[in-house]
Amino acid sequence: LADEVIYLHQGRVLERAPVEEFFSKP
């Protein structure tokens, strides 16, 4: 469903990237 991912960790935004980039190259 995603075009982009915002990754939230312990209340902080650690990453924001296109979905495939997030999963292939965190």
mmCIF file of all heavy atoms, coordinates in Angstrom:
data_MODEL
# 
_entry.id   MODEL 
# 
loop_
_atom_site.group_PDB 
_atom_site.id 
_atom_site.type_symbol 
_atom_site.label_atom_id 
_atom_site.label_alt_id 
_atom_site.label_comp_id 
_atom_site.label_asym_id 
_atom_site.label_entity_id 
_atom_site.label_seq_id 
_atom_site.pdbx_PDB_ins_code 
_atom_site.Cartn_x 
_atom_site.Cartn_y 
_atom_site.Cartn_z 
_atom_site.occupancy 
_atom_site.B_iso_or_equiv 
_atom_site.pdbx_formal_charge 
_atom_site.auth_seq_id 
_atom_site.auth_comp_id 
_atom_site.auth_asym_id 
_atom_site.auth_atom_id 
_atom_site.pdbx_PDB_model_num 
ATOM 1   N N   . LEU A 1 1  ? 0.788  -1.233 0.000  1.00 0.00 ? 1  LEU A N   1 
ATOM 2   C CA  . LEU A 1 1  ? 0.000  0.000  0.000  1.00 0.00 ? 1  LEU A CA  1 
ATOM 3   C C   . LEU A 1 1  ? 0.822  1.287  0.000  1.00 0.00 ? 1  LEU A C   1 
ATOM 4   O O   . LEU A 1 1  ? 0.312  2.346  -0.349 1.00 0.00 ? 1  LEU A O   1 
ATOM 5   C CB  . LEU A 1 1  ? -0.939 0.023  1.209  1.00 0.00 ? 1  LEU A CB  1 
ATOM 6   C CG  . LEU A 1 1  ? -1.993 -1.085 1.283  1.00 0.00 ? 1  LEU A CG  1 
ATOM 7   C CD1 . LEU A 1 1  ? -2.813 -0.936 2.567  1.00 0.00 ? 1  LEU A CD1 1 
ATOM 8   C CD2 . LEU A 1 1  ? -2.908 -1.053 0.068  1.00 0.00 ? 1  LEU A CD2 1 
ATOM 9   N N   . ALA A 1 2  ? 2.082  1.202  0.423  1.00 0.00 ? 2  ALA A N   1 
ATOM 10  C CA  . ALA A 1 2  ? 2.854  2.436  0.620  1.00 0.00 ? 2  ALA A CA  1 
ATOM 11  C C   . ALA A 1 2  ? 3.538  2.909  -0.648 1.00 0.00 ? 2  ALA A C   1 
ATOM 12  O O   . ALA A 1 2  ? 3.969  2.116  -1.478 1.00 0.00 ? 2  ALA A O   1 
ATOM 13  C CB  . ALA A 1 2  ? 3.901  2.224  1.711  1.00 0.00 ? 2  ALA A CB  1 
ATOM 14  N N   . ASP A 1 3  ? 3.649  4.221  -0.757 1.00 0.00 ? 3  ASP A N   1 
ATOM 15  C CA  . ASP A 1 3  ? 4.582  4.836  -1.687 1.00 0.00 ? 3  ASP A CA  1 
ATOM 16  C C   . ASP A 1 3  ? 5.837  5.255  -0.925 1.00 0.00 ? 3  ASP A C   1 
ATOM 17  O O   . ASP A 1 3  ? 6.948  5.138  -1.431 1.00 0.00 ? 3  ASP A O   1 
ATOM 18  C CB  . ASP A 1 3  ? 3.954  6.057  -2.369 1.00 0.00 ? 3  ASP A CB  1 
ATOM 19  C CG  . ASP A 1 3  ? 2.824  5.659  -3.302 1.00 0.00 ? 3  ASP A CG  1 
ATOM 20  O OD1 . ASP A 1 3  ? 3.082  4.860  -4.222 1.00 0.00 ? 3  ASP A OD1 1 
ATOM 21  O OD2 . ASP A 1 3  ? 1.691  6.124  -3.103 1.00 0.00 ? 3  ASP A OD2 1 
ATOM 22  N N   . GLU A 1 4  ? 5.625  5.743  0.299  1.00 0.00 ? 4  GLU A N   1 
ATOM 23  C CA  . GLU A 1 4  ? 6.751  6.102  1.155  1.00 0.00 ? 4  GLU A CA  1 
ATOM 24  C C   . GLU A 1 4  ? 6.513  5.575  2.561  1.00 0.00 ? 4  GLU A C   1 
ATOM 25  O O   . GLU A 1 4  ? 5.378  5.344  2.971  1.00 0.00 ? 4  GLU A O   1 
ATOM 26  C CB  . GLU A 1 4  ? 6.955  7.618  1.200  1.00 0.00 ? 4  GLU A CB  1 
ATOM 27  C CG  . GLU A 1 4  ? 5.839  8.380  1.888  1.00 0.00 ? 4  GLU A CG  1 
ATOM 28  C CD  . GLU A 1 4  ? 6.220  9.805  2.263  1.00 0.00 ? 4  GLU A CD  1 
ATOM 29  O OE1 . GLU A 1 4  ? 7.368  10.211 2.004  1.00 0.00 ? 4  GLU A OE1 1 
ATOM 30  O OE2 . GLU A 1 4  ? 5.354  10.497 2.826  1.00 0.00 ? 4  GLU A OE2 1 
ATOM 31  N N   . VAL A 1 5  ? 7.614  5.383  3.283  1.00 0.00 ? 5  VAL A N   1 
ATOM 32  C CA  . VAL A 1 5  ? 7.564  4.887  4.658  1.00 0.00 ? 5  VAL A CA  1 
ATOM 33  C C   . VAL A 1 5  ? 8.184  5.913  5.589  1.00 0.00 ? 5  VAL A C   1 
ATOM 34  O O   . VAL A 1 5  ? 9.261  6.451  5.313  1.00 0.00 ? 5  VAL A O   1 
ATOM 35  C CB  . VAL A 1 5  ? 8.316  3.547  4.794  1.00 0.00 ? 5  VAL A CB  1 
ATOM 36  C CG1 . VAL A 1 5  ? 8.507  3.175  6.268  1.00 0.00 ? 5  VAL A CG1 1 
ATOM 37  C CG2 . VAL A 1 5  ? 7.554  2.438  4.078  1.00 0.00 ? 5  VAL A CG2 1 
ATOM 38  N N   . ILE A 1 6  ? 7.491  6.191  6.688  1.00 0.00 ? 6  ILE A N   1 
ATOM 39  C CA  . ILE A 1 6  ? 8.074  6.920  7.811  1.00 0.00 ? 6  ILE A CA  1 
ATOM 40  C C   . ILE A 1 6  ? 8.284  5.895  8.916  1.00 0.00 ? 6  ILE A C   1 
ATOM 41  O O   . ILE A 1 6  ? 7.322  5.249  9.356  1.00 0.00 ? 6  ILE A O   1 
ATOM 42  C CB  . ILE A 1 6  ? 7.152  8.051  8.294  1.00 0.00 ? 6  ILE A CB  1 
ATOM 43  C CG1 . ILE A 1 6  ? 7.048  9.152  7.224  1.00 0.00 ? 6  ILE A CG1 1 
ATOM 44  C CG2 . ILE A 1 6  ? 7.661  8.656  9.602  1.00 0.00 ? 6  ILE A CG2 1 
ATOM 45  C CD1 . ILE A 1 6  ? 6.068  10.251 7.572  1.00 0.00 ? 6  ILE A CD1 1 
ATOM 46  N N   . TYR A 1 7  ? 9.541  5.713  9.333  1.00 0.00 ? 7  TYR A N   1 
ATOM 47  C CA  . TYR A 1 7  ? 9.844  4.726  10.363 1.00 0.00 ? 7  TYR A CA  1 
ATOM 48  C C   . TYR A 1 7  ? 9.969  5.416  11.708 1.00 0.00 ? 7  TYR A C   1 
ATOM 49  O O   . TYR A 1 7  ? 10.814 6.297  11.902 1.00 0.00 ? 7  TYR A O   1 
ATOM 50  C CB  . TYR A 1 7  ? 11.133 3.973  10.032 1.00 0.00 ? 7  TYR A CB  1 
ATOM 51  C CG  . TYR A 1 7  ? 11.567 3.039  11.138 1.00 0.00 ? 7  TYR A CG  1 
ATOM 52  C CD1 . TYR A 1 7  ? 10.720 2.028  11.589 1.00 0.00 ? 7  TYR A CD1 1 
ATOM 53  C CD2 . TYR A 1 7  ? 12.809 3.176  11.743 1.00 0.00 ? 7  TYR A CD2 1 
ATOM 54  C CE1 . TYR A 1 7  ? 11.104 1.185  12.616 1.00 0.00 ? 7  TYR A CE1 1 
ATOM 55  C CE2 . TYR A 1 7  ? 13.201 2.328  12.770 1.00 0.00 ? 7  TYR A CE2 1 
ATOM 56  C CZ  . TYR A 1 7  ? 12.343 1.330  13.197 1.00 0.00 ? 7  TYR A CZ  1 
ATOM 57  O OH  . TYR A 1 7  ? 12.719 0.498  14.213 1.00 0.00 ? 7  TYR A OH  1 
ATOM 58  N N   . LEU A 1 8  ? 9.098  4.997  12.638 1.00 0.00 ? 8  LEU A N   1 
ATOM 59  C CA  . LEU A 1 8  ? 9.046  5.589  13.968 1.00 0.00 ? 8  LEU A CA  1 
ATOM 60  C C   . LEU A 1 8  ? 9.652  4.612  14.973 1.00 0.00 ? 8  LEU A C   1 
ATOM 61  O O   . LEU A 1 8  ? 9.282  3.429  15.013 1.00 0.00 ? 8  LEU A O   1 
ATOM 62  C CB  . LEU A 1 8  ? 7.590  5.887  14.322 1.00 0.00 ? 8  LEU A CB  1 
ATOM 63  C CG  . LEU A 1 8  ? 7.295  6.863  15.459 1.00 0.00 ? 8  LEU A CG  1 
ATOM 64  C CD1 . LEU A 1 8  ? 7.788  8.262  15.096 1.00 0.00 ? 8  LEU A CD1 1 
ATOM 65  C CD2 . LEU A 1 8  ? 5.799  6.896  15.750 1.00 0.00 ? 8  LEU A CD2 1 
ATOM 66  N N   . HIS A 1 9  ? 10.573 5.104  15.794 1.00 0.00 ? 9  HIS A N   1 
ATOM 67  C CA  . HIS A 1 9  ? 11.245 4.267  16.790 1.00 0.00 ? 9  HIS A CA  1 
ATOM 68  C C   . HIS A 1 9  ? 11.342 5.039  18.094 1.00 0.00 ? 9  HIS A C   1 
ATOM 69  O O   . HIS A 1 9  ? 11.922 6.126  18.146 1.00 0.00 ? 9  HIS A O   1 
ATOM 70  C CB  . HIS A 1 9  ? 12.641 3.882  16.294 1.00 0.00 ? 9  HIS A CB  1 
ATOM 71  C CG  . HIS A 1 9  ? 13.469 3.154  17.310 1.00 0.00 ? 9  HIS A CG  1 
ATOM 72  N ND1 . HIS A 1 9  ? 13.219 1.856  17.679 1.00 0.00 ? 9  HIS A ND1 1 
ATOM 73  C CD2 . HIS A 1 9  ? 14.549 3.552  18.035 1.00 0.00 ? 9  HIS A CD2 1 
ATOM 74  C CE1 . HIS A 1 9  ? 14.109 1.474  18.583 1.00 0.00 ? 9  HIS A CE1 1 
ATOM 75  N NE2 . HIS A 1 9  ? 14.927 2.488  18.824 1.00 0.00 ? 9  HIS A NE2 1 
ATOM 76  N N   . GLN A 1 10 ? 10.709 4.494  19.145 1.00 0.00 ? 10 GLN A N   1 
ATOM 77  C CA  . GLN A 1 10 ? 10.725 5.130  20.456 1.00 0.00 ? 10 GLN A CA  1 
ATOM 78  C C   . GLN A 1 10 ? 10.323 6.604  20.384 1.00 0.00 ? 10 GLN A C   1 
ATOM 79  O O   . GLN A 1 10 ? 10.930 7.471  20.996 1.00 0.00 ? 10 GLN A O   1 
ATOM 80  C CB  . GLN A 1 10 ? 12.103 4.967  21.103 1.00 0.00 ? 10 GLN A CB  1 
ATOM 81  C CG  . GLN A 1 10 ? 12.439 3.509  21.409 1.00 0.00 ? 10 GLN A CG  1 
ATOM 82  C CD  . GLN A 1 10 ? 13.759 3.332  22.128 1.00 0.00 ? 10 GLN A CD  1 
ATOM 83  O OE1 . GLN A 1 10 ? 14.579 4.246  22.182 1.00 0.00 ? 10 GLN A OE1 1 
ATOM 84  N NE2 . GLN A 1 10 ? 13.969 2.155  22.683 1.00 0.00 ? 10 GLN A NE2 1 
ATOM 85  N N   . GLY A 1 11 ? 9.275  6.868  19.612 1.00 0.00 ? 11 GLY A N   1 
ATOM 86  C CA  . GLY A 1 11 ? 8.738  8.220  19.516 1.00 0.00 ? 11 GLY A CA  1 
ATOM 87  C C   . GLY A 1 11 ? 9.511  9.164  18.629 1.00 0.00 ? 11 GLY A C   1 
ATOM 88  O O   . GLY A 1 11 ? 9.200  10.357 18.585 1.00 0.00 ? 11 GLY A O   1 
ATOM 89  N N   . ARG A 1 12 ? 10.486 8.650  17.893 1.00 0.00 ? 12 ARG A N   1 
ATOM 90  C CA  . ARG A 1 12 ? 11.291 9.495  17.011 1.00 0.00 ? 12 ARG A CA  1 
ATOM 91  C C   . ARG A 1 12 ? 11.189 9.005  15.575 1.00 0.00 ? 12 ARG A C   1 
ATOM 92  O O   . ARG A 1 12 ? 11.136 7.794  15.325 1.00 0.00 ? 12 ARG A O   1 
ATOM 93  C CB  . ARG A 1 12 ? 12.763 9.484  17.435 1.00 0.00 ? 12 ARG A CB  1 
ATOM 94  C CG  . ARG A 1 12 ? 13.044 10.114 18.791 1.00 0.00 ? 12 ARG A CG  1 
ATOM 95  C CD  . ARG A 1 12 ? 14.536 10.051 19.111 1.00 0.00 ? 12 ARG A CD  1 
ATOM 96  N NE  . ARG A 1 12 ? 14.862 10.808 20.303 1.00 0.00 ? 12 ARG A NE  1 
ATOM 97  C CZ  . ARG A 1 12 ? 14.805 10.328 21.539 1.00 0.00 ? 12 ARG A CZ  1 
ATOM 98  N NH1 . ARG A 1 12 ? 14.425 9.067  21.724 1.00 0.00 ? 12 ARG A NH1 1 
ATOM 99  N NH2 . ARG A 1 12 ? 15.116 11.075 22.567 1.00 0.00 ? 12 ARG A NH2 1 
ATOM 100 N N   . VAL A 1 13 ? 11.197 9.932  14.626 1.00 0.00 ? 13 VAL A N   1 
ATOM 101 C CA  . VAL A 1 13 ? 11.249 9.563  13.214 1.00 0.00 ? 13 VAL A CA  1 
ATOM 102 C C   . VAL A 1 13 ? 12.706 9.324  12.861 1.00 0.00 ? 13 VAL A C   1 
ATOM 103 O O   . VAL A 1 13 ? 13.513 10.261 12.810 1.00 0.00 ? 13 VAL A O   1 
ATOM 104 C CB  . VAL A 1 13 ? 10.649 10.666 12.319 1.00 0.00 ? 13 VAL A CB  1 
ATOM 105 C CG1 . VAL A 1 13 ? 10.869 10.323 10.844 1.00 0.00 ? 13 VAL A CG1 1 
ATOM 106 C CG2 . VAL A 1 13 ? 9.160  10.829 12.596 1.00 0.00 ? 13 VAL A CG2 1 
ATOM 107 N N   . LEU A 1 14 ? 13.054 8.045  12.628 1.00 0.00 ? 14 LEU A N   1 
ATOM 108 C CA  . LEU A 1 14 ? 14.441 7.716  12.300 1.00 0.00 ? 14 LEU A CA  1 
ATOM 109 C C   . LEU A 1 14 ? 14.686 7.691  10.800 1.00 0.00 ? 14 LEU A C   1 
ATOM 110 O O   . LEU A 1 14 ? 15.817 7.943  10.363 1.00 0.00 ? 14 LEU A O   1 
ATOM 111 C CB  . LEU A 1 14 ? 14.824 6.363  12.894 1.00 0.00 ? 14 LEU A CB  1 
ATOM 112 C CG  . LEU A 1 14 ? 14.962 6.272  14.409 1.00 0.00 ? 14 LEU A CG  1 
ATOM 113 C CD1 . LEU A 1 14 ? 15.662 4.961  14.785 1.00 0.00 ? 14 LEU A CD1 1 
ATOM 114 C CD2 . LEU A 1 14 ? 15.739 7.452  14.991 1.00 0.00 ? 14 LEU A CD2 1 
ATOM 115 N N   . GLU A 1 15 ? 13.659 7.354  10.029 1.00 0.00 ? 15 GLU A N   1 
ATOM 116 C CA  . GLU A 1 15 ? 13.845 7.289  8.575  1.00 0.00 ? 15 GLU A CA  1 
ATOM 117 C C   . GLU A 1 15 ? 12.575 7.715  7.848  1.00 0.00 ? 15 GLU A C   1 
ATOM 118 O O   . GLU A 1 15 ? 11.460 7.534  8.359  1.00 0.00 ? 15 GLU A O   1 
ATOM 119 C CB  . GLU A 1 15 ? 14.200 5.869  8.124  1.00 0.00 ? 15 GLU A CB  1 
ATOM 120 C CG  . GLU A 1 15 ? 15.561 5.396  8.565  1.00 0.00 ? 15 GLU A CG  1 
ATOM 121 C CD  . GLU A 1 15 ? 16.004 4.154  7.815  1.00 0.00 ? 15 GLU A CD  1 
ATOM 122 O OE1 . GLU A 1 15 ? 15.703 4.049  6.599  1.00 0.00 ? 15 GLU A OE1 1 
ATOM 123 O OE2 . GLU A 1 15 ? 16.650 3.300  8.443  1.00 0.00 ? 15 GLU A OE2 1 
ATOM 124 N N   . ARG A 1 16 ? 12.774 8.228  6.652  1.00 0.00 ? 16 ARG A N   1 
ATOM 125 C CA  . ARG A 1 16 ? 11.675 8.499  5.729  1.00 0.00 ? 16 ARG A CA  1 
ATOM 126 C C   . ARG A 1 16 ? 12.210 8.241  4.335  1.00 0.00 ? 16 ARG A C   1 
ATOM 127 O O   . ARG A 1 16 ? 13.176 8.875  3.906  1.00 0.00 ? 16 ARG A O   1 
ATOM 128 C CB  . ARG A 1 16 ? 11.182 9.937  5.858  1.00 0.00 ? 16 ARG A CB  1 
ATOM 129 C CG  . ARG A 1 16 ? 9.973  10.222 4.973  1.00 0.00 ? 16 ARG A CG  1 
ATOM 130 C CD  . ARG A 1 16 ? 9.426  11.614 5.229  1.00 0.00 ? 16 ARG A CD  1 
ATOM 131 N NE  . ARG A 1 16 ? 8.176  11.817 4.552  1.00 0.00 ? 16 ARG A NE  1 
ATOM 132 C CZ  . ARG A 1 16 ? 7.404  12.890 4.696  1.00 0.00 ? 16 ARG A CZ  1 
ATOM 133 N NH1 . ARG A 1 16 ? 7.784  13.870 5.535  1.00 0.00 ? 16 ARG A NH1 1 
ATOM 134 N NH2 . ARG A 1 16 ? 6.273  13.001 4.043  1.00 0.00 ? 16 ARG A NH2 1 
ATOM 135 N N   . ALA A 1 17 ? 11.605 7.294  3.621  1.00 0.00 ? 17 ALA A N   1 
ATOM 136 C CA  . ALA A 1 17 ? 12.160 6.883  2.331  1.00 0.00 ? 17 ALA A CA  1 
ATOM 137 C C   . ALA A 1 17 ? 11.085 6.235  1.478  1.00 0.00 ? 17 ALA A C   1 
ATOM 138 O O   . ALA A 1 17 ? 10.066 5.759  2.006  1.00 0.00 ? 17 ALA A O   1 
ATOM 139 C CB  . ALA A 1 17 ? 13.307 5.898  2.551  1.00 0.00 ? 17 ALA A CB  1 
ATOM 140 N N   . PRO A 1 18 ? 11.279 6.185  0.142  1.00 0.00 ? 18 PRO A N   1 
ATOM 141 C CA  . PRO A 1 18 ? 10.388 5.394  -0.697 1.00 0.00 ? 18 PRO A CA  1 
ATOM 142 C C   . PRO A 1 18 ? 10.344 3.955  -0.191 1.00 0.00 ? 18 PRO A C   1 
ATOM 143 O O   . PRO A 1 18 ? 11.340 3.443  0.341  1.00 0.00 ? 18 PRO A O   1 
ATOM 144 C CB  . PRO A 1 18 ? 11.048 5.476  -2.087 1.00 0.00 ? 18 PRO A CB  1 
ATOM 145 C CG  . PRO A 1 18 ? 11.829 6.747  -2.051 1.00 0.00 ? 18 PRO A CG  1 
ATOM 146 C CD  . PRO A 1 18 ? 12.326 6.868  -0.645 1.00 0.00 ? 18 PRO A CD  1 
ATOM 147 N N   . VAL A 1 19 ? 9.215  3.284  -0.359 1.00 0.00 ? 19 VAL A N   1 
ATOM 148 C CA  . VAL A 1 19 ? 8.997  2.006  0.298  1.00 0.00 ? 19 VAL A CA  1 
ATOM 149 C C   . VAL A 1 19 ? 10.055 0.966  -0.056 1.00 0.00 ? 19 VAL A C   1 
ATOM 150 O O   . VAL A 1 19 ? 10.612 0.297  0.824  1.00 0.00 ? 19 VAL A O   1 
ATOM 151 C CB  . VAL A 1 19 ? 7.571  1.481  0.019  1.00 0.00 ? 19 VAL A CB  1 
ATOM 152 C CG1 . VAL A 1 19 ? 7.312  1.275  -1.471 1.00 0.00 ? 19 VAL A CG1 1 
ATOM 153 C CG2 . VAL A 1 19 ? 7.312  0.206  0.812  1.00 0.00 ? 19 VAL A CG2 1 
ATOM 154 N N   . GLU A 1 20 ? 10.391 0.816  -1.328 1.00 0.00 ? 20 GLU A N   1 
ATOM 155 C CA  . GLU A 1 20 ? 11.361 -0.212 -1.699 1.00 0.00 ? 20 GLU A CA  1 
ATOM 156 C C   . GLU A 1 20 ? 12.754 0.135  -1.191 1.00 0.00 ? 20 GLU A C   1 
ATOM 157 O O   . GLU A 1 20 ? 13.519 -0.754 -0.800 1.00 0.00 ? 20 GLU A O   1 
ATOM 158 C CB  . GLU A 1 20 ? 11.357 -0.421 -3.212 1.00 0.00 ? 20 GLU A CB  1 
ATOM 159 C CG  . GLU A 1 20 ? 10.119 -1.131 -3.731 1.00 0.00 ? 20 GLU A CG  1 
ATOM 160 C CD  . GLU A 1 20 ? 9.850  -2.448 -2.991 1.00 0.00 ? 20 GLU A CD  1 
ATOM 161 O OE1 . GLU A 1 20 ? 10.818 -3.162 -2.651 1.00 0.00 ? 20 GLU A OE1 1 
ATOM 162 O OE2 . GLU A 1 20 ? 8.676  -2.755 -2.743 1.00 0.00 ? 20 GLU A OE2 1 
ATOM 163 N N   . GLU A 1 21 ? 13.088 1.409  -1.184 1.00 0.00 ? 21 GLU A N   1 
ATOM 164 C CA  . GLU A 1 21 ? 14.385 1.823  -0.651 1.00 0.00 ? 21 GLU A CA  1 
ATOM 165 C C   . GLU A 1 21 ? 14.472 1.525  0.840  1.00 0.00 ? 21 GLU A C   1 
ATOM 166 O O   . GLU A 1 21 ? 15.514 1.071  1.342  1.00 0.00 ? 21 GLU A O   1 
ATOM 167 C CB  . GLU A 1 21 ? 14.605 3.310  -0.902 1.00 0.00 ? 21 GLU A CB  1 
ATOM 168 C CG  . GLU A 1 21 ? 15.926 3.851  -0.385 1.00 0.00 ? 21 GLU A CG  1 
ATOM 169 C CD  . GLU A 1 21 ? 16.082 5.327  -0.642 1.00 0.00 ? 21 GLU A CD  1 
ATOM 170 O OE1 . GLU A 1 21 ? 15.599 5.798  -1.698 1.00 0.00 ? 21 GLU A OE1 1 
ATOM 171 O OE2 . GLU A 1 21 ? 16.670 6.026  0.205  1.00 0.00 ? 21 GLU A OE2 1 
ATOM 172 N N   . PHE A 1 22 ? 13.383 1.778  1.559  1.00 0.00 ? 22 PHE A N   1 
ATOM 173 C CA  . PHE A 1 22 ? 13.385 1.515  2.998  1.00 0.00 ? 22 PHE A CA  1 
ATOM 174 C C   . PHE A 1 22 ? 13.639 0.044  3.282  1.00 0.00 ? 22 PHE A C   1 
ATOM 175 O O   . PHE A 1 22 ? 14.447 -0.296 4.159  1.00 0.00 ? 22 PHE A O   1 
ATOM 176 C CB  . PHE A 1 22 ? 12.053 1.931  3.626  1.00 0.00 ? 22 PHE A CB  1 
ATOM 177 C CG  . PHE A 1 22 ? 11.922 1.549  5.078  1.00 0.00 ? 22 PHE A CG  1 
ATOM 178 C CD1 . PHE A 1 22 ? 12.554 2.298  6.064  1.00 0.00 ? 22 PHE A CD1 1 
ATOM 179 C CD2 . PHE A 1 22 ? 11.193 0.426  5.443  1.00 0.00 ? 22 PHE A CD2 1 
ATOM 180 C CE1 . PHE A 1 22 ? 12.451 1.928  7.408  1.00 0.00 ? 22 PHE A CE1 1 
ATOM 181 C CE2 . PHE A 1 22 ? 11.083 0.052  6.776  1.00 0.00 ? 22 PHE A CE2 1 
ATOM 182 C CZ  . PHE A 1 22 ? 11.723 0.807  7.760  1.00 0.00 ? 22 PHE A CZ  1 
ATOM 183 N N   . PHE A 1 23 ? 12.975 -0.844 2.549  1.00 0.00 ? 23 PHE A N   1 
ATOM 184 C CA  . PHE A 1 23 ? 13.119 -2.272 2.827  1.00 0.00 ? 23 PHE A CA  1 
ATOM 185 C C   . PHE A 1 23 ? 14.419 -2.861 2.281  1.00 0.00 ? 23 PHE A C   1 
ATOM 186 O O   . PHE A 1 23 ? 14.959 -3.800 2.857  1.00 0.00 ? 23 PHE A O   1 
ATOM 187 C CB  . PHE A 1 23 ? 11.922 -3.048 2.270  1.00 0.00 ? 23 PHE A CB  1 
ATOM 188 C CG  . PHE A 1 23 ? 10.693 -2.938 3.127  1.00 0.00 ? 23 PHE A CG  1 
ATOM 189 C CD1 . PHE A 1 23 ? 9.619  -2.156 2.733  1.00 0.00 ? 23 PHE A CD1 1 
ATOM 190 C CD2 . PHE A 1 23 ? 10.622 -3.591 4.345  1.00 0.00 ? 23 PHE A CD2 1 
ATOM 191 C CE1 . PHE A 1 23 ? 8.486  -2.047 3.526  1.00 0.00 ? 23 PHE A CE1 1 
ATOM 192 C CE2 . PHE A 1 23 ? 9.494  -3.487 5.156  1.00 0.00 ? 23 PHE A CE2 1 
ATOM 193 C CZ  . PHE A 1 23 ? 8.424  -2.717 4.747  1.00 0.00 ? 23 PHE A CZ  1 
ATOM 194 N N   . SER A 1 24 ? 14.921 -2.314 1.179  1.00 0.00 ? 24 SER A N   1 
ATOM 195 C CA  . SER A 1 24 ? 16.142 -2.885 0.595  1.00 0.00 ? 24 SER A CA  1 
ATOM 196 C C   . SER A 1 24 ? 17.415 -2.248 1.129  1.00 0.00 ? 24 SER A C   1 
ATOM 197 O O   . SER A 1 24 ? 18.461 -2.912 1.213  1.00 0.00 ? 24 SER A O   1 
ATOM 198 C CB  . SER A 1 24 ? 16.109 -2.740 -0.934 1.00 0.00 ? 24 SER A CB  1 
ATOM 199 O OG  . SER A 1 24 ? 16.089 -1.372 -1.324 1.00 0.00 ? 24 SER A OG  1 
ATOM 200 N N   . LYS A 1 25 ? 17.338 -0.960 1.516  1.00 0.00 ? 25 LYS A N   1 
ATOM 201 C CA  . LYS A 1 25 ? 18.538 -0.262 1.989  1.00 0.00 ? 25 LYS A CA  1 
ATOM 202 C C   . LYS A 1 25 ? 18.206 0.632  3.181  1.00 0.00 ? 25 LYS A C   1 
ATOM 203 O O   . LYS A 1 25 ? 18.292 1.864  3.097  1.00 0.00 ? 25 LYS A O   1 
ATOM 204 C CB  . LYS A 1 25 ? 19.134 0.589  0.860  1.00 0.00 ? 25 LYS A CB  1 
ATOM 205 C CG  . LYS A 1 25 ? 19.609 -0.203 -0.346 1.00 0.00 ? 25 LYS A CG  1 
ATOM 206 C CD  . LYS A 1 25 ? 20.137 0.728  -1.428 1.00 0.00 ? 25 LYS A CD  1 
ATOM 207 C CE  . LYS A 1 25 ? 20.585 -0.054 -2.647 1.00 0.00 ? 25 LYS A CE  1 
ATOM 208 N NZ  . LYS A 1 25 ? 21.066 0.856  -3.742 1.00 0.00 ? 25 LYS A NZ  1 
ATOM 209 N N   . PRO A 1 26 ? 17.821 0.033  4.320  1.00 0.00 ? 26 PRO A N   1 
ATOM 210 C CA  . PRO A 1 26 ? 17.519 0.867  5.492  1.00 0.00 ? 26 PRO A CA  1 
ATOM 211 C C   . PRO A 1 26 ? 18.749 1.670  5.898  1.00 0.00 ? 26 PRO A C   1 
ATOM 212 O O   . PRO A 1 26 ? 19.870 1.173  5.868  1.00 0.00 ? 26 PRO A O   1 
ATOM 213 C CB  . PRO A 1 26 ? 17.127 -0.160 6.559  1.00 0.00 ? 26 PRO A CB  1 
ATOM 214 C CG  . PRO A 1 26 ? 17.725 -1.450 6.107  1.00 0.00 ? 26 PRO A CG  1 
ATOM 215 C CD  . PRO A 1 26 ? 17.706 -1.408 4.604  1.00 0.00 ? 26 PRO A CD  1 
# 
